[in-house]
Protein backbone atom coordinates (compact mmCIF):
# COMPACT_ATOMS: atom_id res chain seq x y z
CA MET A 1 37.63 34.55 94.03
CA VAL A 2 35.71 35.97 96.92
CA ARG A 3 33.46 38.94 96.35
CA GLU A 4 33.30 42.04 98.75
CA LEU A 5 29.54 42.24 99.20
CA ASP A 6 29.42 38.65 99.92
CA LEU A 7 31.98 38.73 102.49
CA VAL A 8 30.53 41.95 104.19
CA ARG A 9 26.96 40.27 104.24
CA TRP A 10 28.39 37.17 105.94
CA VAL A 11 30.08 39.32 108.92
CA CYS A 12 27.00 41.13 109.33
CA GLN A 13 25.29 37.83 110.06
CA ARG A 14 27.58 37.21 112.86
CA ALA A 15 27.27 40.65 114.75
CA PRO A 16 23.99 42.19 114.73
CA GLU A 17 25.76 45.39 115.81
CA ASN A 18 27.01 45.82 112.36
CA GLY A 19 24.97 48.67 110.73
CA ASP A 20 25.37 50.19 107.12
CA ASP A 21 28.28 52.55 107.00
CA CYS A 22 28.97 52.25 110.73
CA SER A 23 28.37 49.82 113.43
CA VAL A 24 25.75 50.81 116.02
CA LEU A 25 26.28 50.41 119.62
CA GLU A 26 23.87 51.62 122.12
CA CYS A 27 25.74 53.44 125.25
CA GLY A 28 22.91 54.38 127.78
CA GLY A 29 22.31 57.90 128.60
CA TRP A 30 25.43 58.76 126.31
CA GLY A 31 23.65 58.10 123.08
CA THR A 32 24.31 55.91 120.34
CA LEU A 33 28.02 55.17 119.24
CA LEU A 34 28.70 55.03 115.71
CA VAL A 35 31.86 53.08 114.76
CA THR A 36 33.76 52.51 111.32
CA THR A 37 37.09 51.65 109.77
CA ASP A 38 38.64 52.23 106.52
CA SER A 39 41.82 51.52 105.07
CA VAL A 40 43.98 53.24 102.48
CA ILE A 41 46.27 50.74 100.69
CA ASP A 42 49.14 51.76 98.49
CA GLY A 43 48.47 51.19 94.79
CA VAL A 44 44.65 50.42 95.60
CA HIS A 45 43.13 53.76 97.29
CA ALA A 46 46.50 55.97 96.42
CA HIS A 47 49.87 55.91 95.45
CA TRP A 48 52.54 56.57 98.02
CA ASP A 49 55.24 57.70 95.75
CA GLU A 50 52.76 60.31 94.15
CA TYR A 51 50.35 61.60 96.72
CA GLY A 52 52.79 61.50 99.90
CA PRO A 53 52.16 60.02 103.23
CA ALA A 54 49.86 63.23 104.71
CA VAL A 55 47.11 61.79 102.06
CA PHE A 56 47.20 58.43 103.21
CA GLY A 57 46.71 59.74 106.96
CA TYR A 58 43.92 62.25 105.69
CA LYS A 59 42.05 59.85 103.64
CA ALA A 60 42.04 57.00 106.22
CA VAL A 61 40.15 59.38 108.69
CA ALA A 62 38.28 61.39 106.11
CA ARG A 63 36.62 58.19 104.77
CA GLY A 64 35.63 57.23 108.31
CA MET A 65 34.16 60.56 108.79
CA SER A 66 32.01 60.19 105.49
CA ASP A 67 30.66 57.32 106.88
CA VAL A 68 29.54 58.55 110.17
CA ALA A 69 27.92 61.63 108.14
CA ALA A 70 26.32 58.86 106.07
CA MET A 71 24.43 57.84 109.31
CA GLY A 72 23.51 61.25 110.21
CA GLY A 73 26.23 61.51 113.03
CA GLU A 74 29.07 63.56 114.39
CA PRO A 75 32.67 62.14 114.30
CA LEU A 76 34.24 62.72 117.57
CA TRP A 77 37.52 60.79 117.66
CA ALA A 78 39.83 58.74 115.21
CA LEU A 79 42.61 56.35 115.48
CA ILE A 80 45.09 55.03 112.87
CA ALA A 81 47.05 51.79 112.43
CA ALA A 82 49.95 52.56 109.89
CA CYS A 83 52.13 50.02 108.14
CA LEU A 84 54.74 52.09 106.72
CA PRO A 85 57.86 51.34 104.60
CA ASP A 86 60.85 50.03 106.06
CA ALA A 87 62.94 53.13 104.80
CA VAL A 88 60.36 55.90 105.84
CA SER A 89 61.92 58.78 107.28
CA GLU A 90 60.76 60.61 110.49
CA GLU A 91 59.41 63.49 108.72
CA GLN A 92 57.28 60.96 106.37
CA ALA A 93 55.83 59.11 109.34
CA ARG A 94 54.86 62.35 111.11
CA ALA A 95 53.13 63.58 107.85
CA VAL A 96 50.78 60.49 108.13
CA VAL A 97 49.98 61.66 111.46
CA THR A 98 49.44 65.22 110.74
CA GLY A 99 47.50 64.46 107.41
CA ALA A 100 45.07 62.27 109.80
CA GLU A 101 44.70 65.26 112.19
CA GLY A 102 44.02 67.45 109.07
CA ALA A 103 40.77 65.56 108.41
CA GLY A 104 39.21 67.32 111.23
CA CYS A 105 38.61 64.81 113.82
CA ARG A 106 40.36 64.65 116.95
CA LEU A 107 43.10 62.00 116.82
CA VAL A 108 43.34 59.80 120.06
CA GLY A 109 45.72 56.89 119.35
CA GLY A 110 46.86 54.01 117.07
CA ASP A 111 49.31 51.64 116.20
CA THR A 112 52.55 51.82 113.74
CA ALA A 113 54.50 48.87 112.05
CA PHE A 114 56.86 48.75 109.41
CA GLY A 115 56.58 46.16 106.38
CA PRO A 116 56.38 45.26 102.79
CA THR A 117 53.15 46.58 102.16
CA THR A 118 52.15 50.51 102.99
CA TYR A 119 48.57 51.20 104.28
CA VAL A 120 47.11 53.74 106.68
CA VAL A 121 44.06 52.25 108.60
CA GLY A 122 41.46 54.72 110.17
CA THR A 123 38.98 54.19 112.73
CA VAL A 124 36.17 56.91 113.35
CA LEU A 125 33.83 57.00 116.37
CA GLY A 126 30.88 59.28 116.28
CA ARG A 127 27.70 59.98 118.08
CA ALA A 128 24.25 59.66 116.21
CA HIS A 129 21.79 62.27 115.99
CA PRO A 130 19.16 62.77 118.51
CA LYS A 131 16.75 61.68 115.82
CA GLY A 132 18.70 58.35 115.52
CA PRO A 133 20.96 56.68 113.12
CA VAL A 134 19.94 56.69 109.73
CA LEU A 135 19.86 53.18 107.89
CA ARG A 136 20.01 52.18 104.28
CA SER A 137 16.91 50.12 104.97
CA GLY A 138 14.31 53.07 105.38
CA ALA A 139 13.60 54.13 102.09
CA ARG A 140 9.75 54.28 101.02
CA PRO A 141 7.76 54.24 97.89
CA GLY A 142 7.27 57.81 96.84
CA ASP A 143 10.52 59.18 98.50
CA GLN A 144 12.39 61.80 96.55
CA VAL A 145 16.28 61.03 96.19
CA PHE A 146 18.70 63.73 96.71
CA VAL A 147 22.41 63.95 96.36
CA SER A 148 24.65 66.41 98.06
CA GLY A 149 26.78 67.69 95.16
CA ALA A 150 28.28 67.10 91.89
CA LEU A 151 29.59 63.70 90.80
CA GLY A 152 32.41 62.03 88.54
CA GLY A 153 36.02 62.92 88.09
CA ALA A 154 37.31 62.63 91.57
CA VAL A 155 40.26 60.32 90.55
CA ALA A 156 41.49 62.15 87.61
CA SER A 157 41.20 65.76 89.23
CA GLY A 158 43.00 64.24 92.35
CA ARG A 159 39.77 65.20 94.54
CA HIS A 160 39.38 61.64 95.99
CA ALA A 161 42.62 62.47 97.58
CA SER A 162 41.59 65.70 99.43
CA PHE A 163 37.36 65.32 99.71
CA ARG A 164 35.78 67.18 102.32
CA PRO A 165 33.35 64.44 104.33
CA ARG A 166 29.97 65.96 104.09
CA VAL A 167 29.59 66.05 107.85
CA GLU A 168 28.28 69.72 107.99
CA GLU A 169 25.82 68.92 104.96
CA ALA A 170 24.50 65.76 107.10
CA ARG A 171 23.81 67.87 110.36
CA ARG A 172 21.93 70.49 108.39
CA LEU A 173 19.91 67.84 106.68
CA MET A 174 19.14 65.97 109.65
CA ASP A 175 18.33 69.07 111.64
CA ALA A 176 15.74 70.11 109.01
CA CYS A 177 14.26 67.02 107.39
CA ASP A 178 13.15 63.55 108.60
CA VAL A 179 15.60 61.47 106.29
CA HIS A 180 14.56 57.82 105.66
CA ALA A 181 17.82 56.47 104.03
CA MET A 182 21.21 57.73 103.50
CA ILE A 183 24.61 56.61 101.93
CA ASP A 184 27.97 58.15 101.04
CA LEU A 185 29.10 57.70 97.51
CA SER A 186 32.54 55.74 97.59
CA ASP A 187 31.86 53.05 94.74
CA GLY A 188 29.75 55.24 92.38
CA LEU A 189 26.04 56.34 92.40
CA ALA A 190 24.91 53.41 90.70
CA THR A 191 26.22 50.83 93.18
CA ASP A 192 25.78 52.73 96.37
CA LEU A 193 22.18 53.81 95.57
CA ARG A 194 21.49 50.26 94.67
CA HIS A 195 22.43 49.24 98.31
CA ILE A 196 19.61 51.57 99.61
CA LEU A 197 17.26 49.77 97.12
CA GLU A 198 18.27 46.58 98.34
CA ALA A 199 18.04 47.09 101.92
CA SER A 200 14.67 48.77 101.55
CA GLN A 201 13.39 46.41 99.04
CA VAL A 202 12.30 49.11 96.66
CA GLY A 203 13.29 50.42 93.56
CA CYS A 204 14.14 53.74 91.85
CA ARG A 205 13.51 56.05 88.96
CA LEU A 206 16.64 58.31 88.29
CA GLU A 207 16.13 61.23 86.00
CA ALA A 208 19.58 61.60 83.72
CA ALA A 209 18.69 65.30 83.37
CA ARG A 210 18.93 65.91 87.04
CA VAL A 211 22.36 63.89 87.92
CA PRO A 212 25.06 66.74 88.64
CA CYS A 213 27.68 65.67 86.45
CA ASN A 214 31.19 67.34 87.36
CA GLY A 215 32.42 67.90 83.89
CA VAL A 216 32.19 64.19 82.78
CA PRO A 217 29.65 62.00 80.72
CA LEU A 218 26.86 60.64 82.85
CA GLU A 219 27.74 56.98 82.91
CA GLN A 220 31.02 58.23 84.17
CA ALA A 221 29.05 60.18 86.95
CA LEU A 222 27.10 57.19 87.61
CA SER A 223 29.90 54.37 87.92
CA GLU A 224 33.21 55.96 89.06
CA GLY A 225 32.87 56.61 92.74
CA GLU A 226 35.39 58.21 95.23
CA ASP A 227 33.01 61.30 95.10
CA TYR A 228 32.01 61.09 99.08
CA GLU A 229 28.85 62.73 98.52
CA LEU A 230 25.60 61.94 100.30
CA VAL A 231 22.77 60.36 98.60
CA ALA A 232 19.46 60.27 100.85
CA THR A 233 15.87 59.69 100.53
CA MET A 234 12.68 61.58 102.32
CA ALA A 235 9.18 62.09 101.78
CA SER A 236 8.10 64.59 99.13
CA ASP A 237 6.86 67.11 101.33
CA GLN A 238 10.45 67.59 102.69
CA SER A 239 12.94 70.70 101.61
CA PRO A 240 16.34 69.72 102.34
CA PRO A 241 18.75 72.53 102.50
CA ALA A 242 20.65 74.54 99.89
CA GLY A 243 22.93 72.21 97.78
CA PHE A 244 21.00 69.10 97.92
CA VAL A 245 19.61 68.30 94.29
CA ARG A 246 16.65 65.99 93.43
CA ILE A 247 17.66 63.32 91.16
CA GLY A 248 15.00 60.57 91.62
CA THR A 249 11.84 59.07 92.98
CA ILE A 250 11.87 55.72 95.10
CA LEU A 251 9.21 53.05 93.54
CA ASP A 252 6.98 50.71 95.20
CA ASN A 253 8.79 47.45 92.89
CA PRO A 254 12.00 46.44 92.69
CA GLU A 255 12.94 48.24 89.17
CA PHE A 256 16.26 50.79 88.86
CA VAL A 257 15.71 52.66 85.81
CA LEU A 258 17.31 55.61 84.35
CA ILE A 259 14.96 58.43 82.32
CA GLY A 260 16.97 59.62 79.97
CA GLU A 261 17.02 63.32 78.61
CA ASP A 262 15.01 61.93 75.56
CA GLY A 263 12.22 60.45 77.84
CA LYS A 264 13.09 56.84 77.33
CA GLU A 265 13.18 54.41 80.06
CA GLU A 266 15.96 51.86 80.51
CA PRO A 267 17.36 49.65 83.38
CA VAL A 268 20.43 50.95 85.06
CA ARG A 269 22.87 48.12 84.17
CA ILE A 270 26.01 50.18 85.21
CA ARG A 271 27.90 49.22 88.43
CA GLY A 272 30.57 51.13 90.04
CA TYR A 273 33.51 49.82 91.67
CA GLU A 274 33.52 46.76 94.07
CA HIS A 275 36.35 44.93 95.67
CA GLY A 276 37.22 41.58 94.68
CA SER A 277 34.84 41.74 91.49
CA ARG A 278 35.71 41.06 87.95
């Protein structure tokens, strides 16, 4: 069975414009265009009968906005492509559109079809910050690791269907600091932070006592995903805006370790969600 990360790496090798959370397209005097696409599939990312059509539209666009924020950019426009149930009502179909509009990015087009599998695909286009897009590959030894909010419990609480993309937080962070690397947390801190470490060829010492848990055990906060908070690295002399919490330090070796509240150090073996994994 194909692994998601292997497929993504193969695609990226074929198109150098593929960035990290977004593709990066240079547009001359206009600036740098960030483009990303995400799907919300019935039974995978949400349940149509449980959450309703508006959530499918909202989450398809909000996930893309989170990707743009993760590269330090500003989402500007969105498109959606929806495959709806054959028996969908006009009210439900319109709810997909109004839900997408509610994410906060201008909806400028899309496509509609009807078929046996229900899904909505959102494409978001944005502009990079004047400092340039933030990649996963820029983390440096000695950097401090920060997270924008508490982690865990997003699925059980329903937050995964109504999360707010951290666009404003990313803008304030970019304005105030020189951010070396950043990613949004869709698949869990343990997995997504590992993407930064692998791309930057560094390691990390994570401090258990500092990880903000949203009323869940630490292991769940590390592995569950769907939080859509930001994780960023920057030099130790930088002071991020209020709301960002320091959770660790970047190492000059490939180790990824967790310092427990008892002071003991152990490797981080937890992995979050990955499509196509078992």
